[in-house]
Amino acid sequence: MNLIEDLDFHQIDFHIHTAESPSRGAIPLDEVIQAASKRGLRCIALTDHWKPETDPSIFSEERELIERANTELKIFLSAEVSPLNIQGDTAVDPKVHRDILEKMDYLSAGPHQHEETLSKGKAEIIARSHTMLMNILKDDLFGYVLHPWVTVIADLFSRGHIQLPSFEEIPEKYLDEFAEAAAFYKKGIEIYSPAAEVPVEGYDWFVKKLLKAGVKIGVGSDTHQKEDDEKGVSKTTQAAVRLIRSCGGNRSSLWLPENF
């Protein structure tokens, strides 16, 4: 079976953390593989956080574990890198971390709003978030973007700026510009299953814009294997898959890392 030709959304999860803060010598890759196999997945991505305080050698260890793993599961090595400001600066230095980056398949941008942004009013929070997202899309460091706009909407809701989590709170111009730029810069965009499950109102509107623009998309559960196991939680991507299919998406829209 040809993995690329036959792979479909229900067989992937491109947003899996081994732990919130993985430790060298204690990375639960076996547990990740076992859980993914039970879910019927054929292709996953490890996306542990790469923060300023992260020891990047974690990713070298993960590469070694992946190469030694006895599994038919295809495992991509990525990392969730959160920009430190609206300019899109990150803890990753392509020169300093060159050896680490060569061991990774791609990097995932994980945009979250900073306190400087969240201290503003609703309109400015949205505008600053849009600037950050556009800077992420232009950055060659990233191949894939996790939960775009979803965290903005969640923060607006939690801080009382909006009554319900909804994409309709985001100006359509911003959503259109994001979709067009994602297609132009050939970035993969995650359809975030936790938001599809809630569901966040208007998420289908955004997904349809992405598909219309020709953006390649993927799905992610945001699993944190160690913590989820301790809580007895098993996350899936089923809600995101249903959302994509309801919007007319099919496997021709599935994103895969470049050169795979």
Protein backbone atom coordinates (compact mmCIF):
# COMPACT_ATOMS: atom_id res chain seq x y z
CA MET A 1 0.00 0.00 0.00
CA ASN A 2 1.33 3.42 -0.98
CA LEU A 3 1.16 5.62 2.11
CA ILE A 4 0.79 8.89 0.23
CA GLU A 5 -1.84 7.70 -2.25
CA ASP A 6 -4.03 5.97 0.31
CA LEU A 7 -3.62 8.14 3.41
CA ASP A 8 -6.74 9.96 4.60
CA PHE A 9 -7.60 12.36 7.42
CA HIS A 10 -8.95 9.72 9.81
CA GLN A 11 -5.55 7.96 9.73
CA ILE A 12 -3.38 10.89 10.85
CA ASP A 13 -2.76 13.02 13.92
CA PHE A 14 -0.17 15.75 13.45
CA HIS A 15 -0.41 17.21 16.96
CA ILE A 16 0.84 14.79 19.60
CA HIS A 17 2.96 15.71 22.63
CA THR A 18 4.78 12.97 24.50
CA ALA A 19 4.39 15.18 27.59
CA GLU A 20 3.90 18.82 28.50
CA SER A 21 7.61 19.02 29.38
CA PRO A 22 9.37 15.81 28.31
CA SER A 23 12.49 14.71 30.21
CA ARG A 24 15.55 13.08 28.73
CA GLY A 25 15.51 9.33 29.32
CA ALA A 26 11.78 9.33 30.07
CA ILE A 27 10.11 10.02 26.72
CA PRO A 28 7.02 7.78 26.48
CA LEU A 29 7.24 7.00 22.75
CA ASP A 30 6.11 3.40 23.25
CA GLU A 31 2.93 4.65 24.88
CA VAL A 32 2.37 7.11 22.02
CA ILE A 33 2.76 4.31 19.46
CA GLN A 34 0.45 1.99 21.36
CA ALA A 35 -2.28 4.64 21.69
CA ALA A 36 -1.97 5.65 18.02
CA SER A 37 -2.20 2.04 16.89
CA LYS A 38 -5.34 1.50 18.96
CA ARG A 39 -6.87 4.50 17.19
CA GLY A 40 -6.10 2.99 13.79
CA LEU A 41 -3.66 5.75 12.85
CA ARG A 42 -1.02 5.22 10.19
CA CYS A 43 0.82 8.52 10.39
CA ILE A 44 1.51 10.85 13.33
CA ALA A 45 3.73 13.77 14.25
CA LEU A 46 5.44 14.38 17.58
CA THR A 47 5.08 18.06 18.43
CA ASP A 48 6.63 18.56 21.85
CA HIS A 49 6.98 22.19 22.90
CA TRP A 50 10.12 24.11 21.99
CA LYS A 51 10.18 27.04 24.39
CA PRO A 52 13.03 29.30 25.54
CA GLU A 53 13.57 26.99 28.52
CA THR A 54 13.47 23.77 26.44
CA ASP A 55 16.60 21.64 26.14
CA PRO A 56 16.68 21.06 22.35
CA SER A 57 18.60 17.80 22.80
CA ILE A 58 15.18 16.32 23.62
CA PHE A 59 14.48 16.29 19.90
CA SER A 60 17.72 14.44 19.13
CA GLU A 61 16.68 11.78 21.62
CA GLU A 62 13.23 11.57 20.03
CA ARG A 63 14.81 11.05 16.61
CA GLU A 64 16.87 8.17 17.99
CA LEU A 65 13.79 6.61 19.58
CA ILE A 66 11.81 6.93 16.34
CA GLU A 67 14.56 5.24 14.36
CA ARG A 68 14.71 2.34 16.85
CA ALA A 69 10.94 1.92 17.14
CA ASN A 70 9.56 -1.40 15.95
CA THR A 71 6.37 -0.15 14.31
CA GLU A 72 4.73 0.27 10.92
CA LEU A 73 3.43 3.64 12.09
CA LYS A 74 4.99 6.57 10.19
CA ILE A 75 6.24 9.06 12.79
CA PHE A 76 7.25 12.57 11.80
CA LEU A 77 9.43 14.54 14.18
CA SER A 78 8.27 18.11 14.65
CA ALA A 79 7.97 20.58 17.52
CA GLU A 80 5.40 23.13 18.56
CA VAL A 81 7.21 26.45 18.49
CA SER A 82 5.30 29.41 19.90
CA PRO A 83 6.29 32.90 18.68
CA LEU A 84 7.52 35.16 21.46
CA ASN A 85 5.99 38.34 20.03
CA ILE A 86 3.79 39.55 17.19
CA GLN A 87 6.86 39.84 14.96
CA GLY A 88 7.09 36.06 15.10
CA ASP A 89 10.47 35.73 16.83
CA THR A 90 11.04 32.32 18.44
CA ALA A 91 13.43 30.40 20.68
CA VAL A 92 14.76 28.59 17.60
CA ASP A 93 17.99 29.91 16.09
CA PRO A 94 18.62 28.25 12.69
CA LYS A 95 22.38 28.73 13.07
CA VAL A 96 22.75 27.67 16.70
CA HIS A 97 20.30 24.78 16.36
CA ARG A 98 21.29 23.65 12.88
CA ASP A 99 22.23 20.11 13.97
CA ILE A 100 18.93 19.67 15.79
CA LEU A 101 16.89 21.04 12.91
CA GLU A 102 18.53 18.65 10.47
CA LYS A 103 17.08 15.77 12.51
CA MET A 104 13.54 17.13 12.34
CA ASP A 105 11.05 16.68 9.52
CA TYR A 106 9.52 20.14 9.91
CA LEU A 107 8.54 22.67 12.58
CA SER A 108 5.00 23.54 13.64
CA ALA A 109 4.08 27.07 14.68
CA GLY A 110 1.90 27.11 17.77
CA PRO A 111 0.58 30.69 17.99
CA HIS A 112 -0.54 31.84 21.43
CA GLN A 113 -1.29 35.40 22.50
CA HIS A 114 1.10 37.18 24.83
CA GLU A 115 0.17 39.25 27.86
CA GLU A 116 1.13 42.42 26.03
CA THR A 117 -1.52 41.58 23.43
CA LEU A 118 -4.11 40.26 25.87
CA SER A 119 -3.97 43.48 27.90
CA LYS A 120 -5.51 45.33 24.94
CA GLY A 121 -9.12 45.71 23.89
CA LYS A 122 -10.92 43.23 21.65
CA ALA A 123 -10.20 44.92 18.32
CA GLU A 124 -6.48 45.35 19.06
CA ILE A 125 -6.12 41.78 20.33
CA ILE A 126 -7.54 40.56 17.03
CA ALA A 127 -5.42 42.93 14.94
CA ARG A 128 -2.18 42.05 16.76
CA SER A 129 -3.00 38.34 16.48
CA HIS A 130 -3.55 38.75 12.75
CA THR A 131 -0.13 40.40 12.42
CA MET A 132 1.51 37.53 14.27
CA LEU A 133 -0.24 34.89 12.15
CA MET A 134 0.76 36.59 8.91
CA ASN A 135 4.38 36.80 10.08
CA ILE A 136 4.29 33.08 10.89
CA LEU A 137 3.06 32.24 7.40
CA LYS A 138 5.92 34.22 5.83
CA ASP A 139 8.55 32.46 7.97
CA ASP A 140 10.48 29.71 6.17
CA LEU A 141 11.16 28.10 9.56
CA PHE A 142 7.64 26.66 9.66
CA GLY A 143 5.91 24.09 7.48
CA TYR A 144 2.70 23.76 9.48
CA VAL A 145 0.54 26.00 11.68
CA LEU A 146 -1.32 24.63 14.70
CA HIS A 147 -4.77 25.87 15.77
CA PRO A 148 -4.72 29.26 13.96
CA TRP A 149 -7.27 31.75 15.29
CA VAL A 150 -8.66 29.16 17.71
CA THR A 151 -6.52 30.34 20.64
CA VAL A 152 -7.40 33.97 19.85
CA ILE A 153 -11.11 33.17 20.05
CA ALA A 154 -10.60 31.17 23.26
CA ASP A 155 -8.75 34.07 24.89
CA LEU A 156 -11.38 36.59 23.81
CA PHE A 157 -14.06 34.38 25.35
CA SER A 158 -12.20 33.65 28.60
CA ARG A 159 -11.56 37.37 29.13
CA GLY A 160 -15.16 38.33 28.56
CA HIS A 161 -14.69 40.15 25.27
CA ILE A 162 -17.19 37.90 23.47
CA GLN A 163 -20.29 35.98 24.58
CA LEU A 164 -19.58 32.76 22.70
CA PRO A 165 -16.47 31.28 21.02
CA SER A 166 -17.03 32.09 17.35
CA PHE A 167 -15.06 32.70 14.18
CA GLU A 168 -17.67 35.31 13.34
CA GLU A 169 -15.90 37.58 15.84
CA ILE A 170 -12.90 37.72 13.49
CA PRO A 171 -13.17 40.19 10.58
CA GLU A 172 -13.70 38.26 7.36
CA LYS A 173 -10.89 40.26 5.73
CA TYR A 174 -8.42 38.74 8.19
CA LEU A 175 -9.63 35.19 7.57
CA ASP A 176 -9.44 35.70 3.80
CA GLU A 177 -5.93 37.17 4.02
CA PHE A 178 -4.82 34.26 6.20
CA ALA A 179 -6.21 31.65 3.78
CA GLU A 180 -4.65 33.37 0.75
CA ALA A 181 -1.26 33.69 2.45
CA ALA A 182 -1.32 30.07 3.69
CA ALA A 183 -1.89 28.93 0.11
CA PHE A 184 0.76 31.29 -1.32
CA TYR A 185 3.44 30.25 1.19
CA LYS A 186 2.35 26.60 0.99
CA LYS A 187 1.85 26.15 4.72
CA GLY A 188 -0.09 23.24 6.12
CA ILE A 189 -2.93 24.33 8.42
CA GLU A 190 -4.26 22.29 11.30
CA ILE A 191 -7.96 21.76 11.83
CA TYR A 192 -7.93 21.54 15.61
CA SER A 193 -10.13 18.72 16.83
CA PRO A 194 -10.78 20.07 20.37
CA ALA A 195 -12.28 23.23 18.80
CA ALA A 196 -14.31 21.20 16.31
CA GLU A 197 -15.67 19.12 19.16
CA VAL A 198 -16.83 22.07 21.33
CA PRO A 199 -17.76 23.25 18.65
CA VAL A 200 -16.45 26.75 18.03
CA GLU A 201 -19.16 28.50 16.05
CA GLY A 202 -18.25 29.32 12.46
CA TYR A 203 -15.29 26.93 12.30
CA ASP A 204 -16.85 25.41 9.17
CA TRP A 205 -16.86 28.90 7.60
CA PHE A 206 -13.11 29.16 8.14
CA VAL A 207 -12.42 25.62 6.90
CA LYS A 208 -14.37 26.29 3.71
CA LYS A 209 -12.26 29.42 3.11
CA LEU A 210 -9.09 27.37 3.49
CA LEU A 211 -10.32 24.71 1.10
CA LYS A 212 -11.51 27.27 -1.45
CA ALA A 213 -8.08 28.92 -1.39
CA GLY A 214 -6.41 25.57 -2.06
CA VAL A 215 -4.75 25.30 1.34
CA LYS A 216 -3.53 21.87 2.38
CA ILE A 217 -4.79 20.90 5.82
CA GLY A 218 -4.28 18.31 8.54
CA VAL A 219 -5.89 17.32 11.82
CA GLY A 220 -4.60 17.22 15.38
CA SER A 221 -5.83 16.07 18.77
CA ASP A 222 -3.33 17.99 20.96
CA THR A 223 -2.69 14.79 22.88
CA HIS A 224 -0.30 15.07 25.84
CA GLN A 225 0.43 11.38 26.28
CA LYS A 226 1.93 11.37 29.78
CA GLU A 227 -0.67 13.69 31.30
CA ASP A 228 -3.59 12.15 29.39
CA ASP A 229 -2.59 8.66 30.54
CA GLU A 230 -2.52 9.87 34.15
CA LYS A 231 -6.04 11.31 33.74
CA GLY A 232 -7.36 8.30 31.83
CA VAL A 233 -8.11 10.52 28.83
CA SER A 234 -7.89 9.42 25.20
CA LYS A 235 -8.13 12.25 22.66
CA THR A 236 -9.02 11.74 19.02
CA THR A 237 -9.29 13.72 15.79
CA GLN A 238 -12.78 12.47 14.91
CA ALA A 239 -14.49 15.85 15.30
CA ALA A 240 -11.98 17.54 12.99
CA VAL A 241 -12.34 14.79 10.39
CA ARG A 242 -16.14 15.13 10.45
CA LEU A 243 -15.84 18.91 10.09
CA ILE A 244 -13.53 18.64 7.08
CA ARG A 245 -15.77 16.15 5.34
CA SER A 246 -18.87 18.26 6.03
CA CYS A 247 -17.08 21.15 4.31
CA GLY A 248 -16.36 19.08 1.22
CA GLY A 249 -12.76 18.27 2.04
CA ASN A 250 -11.18 15.01 0.93
CA ARG A 251 -7.75 13.43 0.96
CA SER A 252 -6.64 15.55 -1.99
CA SER A 253 -6.55 18.42 0.53
CA LEU A 254 -4.37 16.52 3.00
CA TRP A 255 -1.07 18.19 3.90
CA LEU A 256 2.13 16.17 4.17
CA PRO A 257 5.65 17.40 4.90
CA GLU A 258 7.66 18.59 1.93
CA ASN A 259 9.76 15.95 0.17
CA PHE A 260 7.81 13.12 1.80
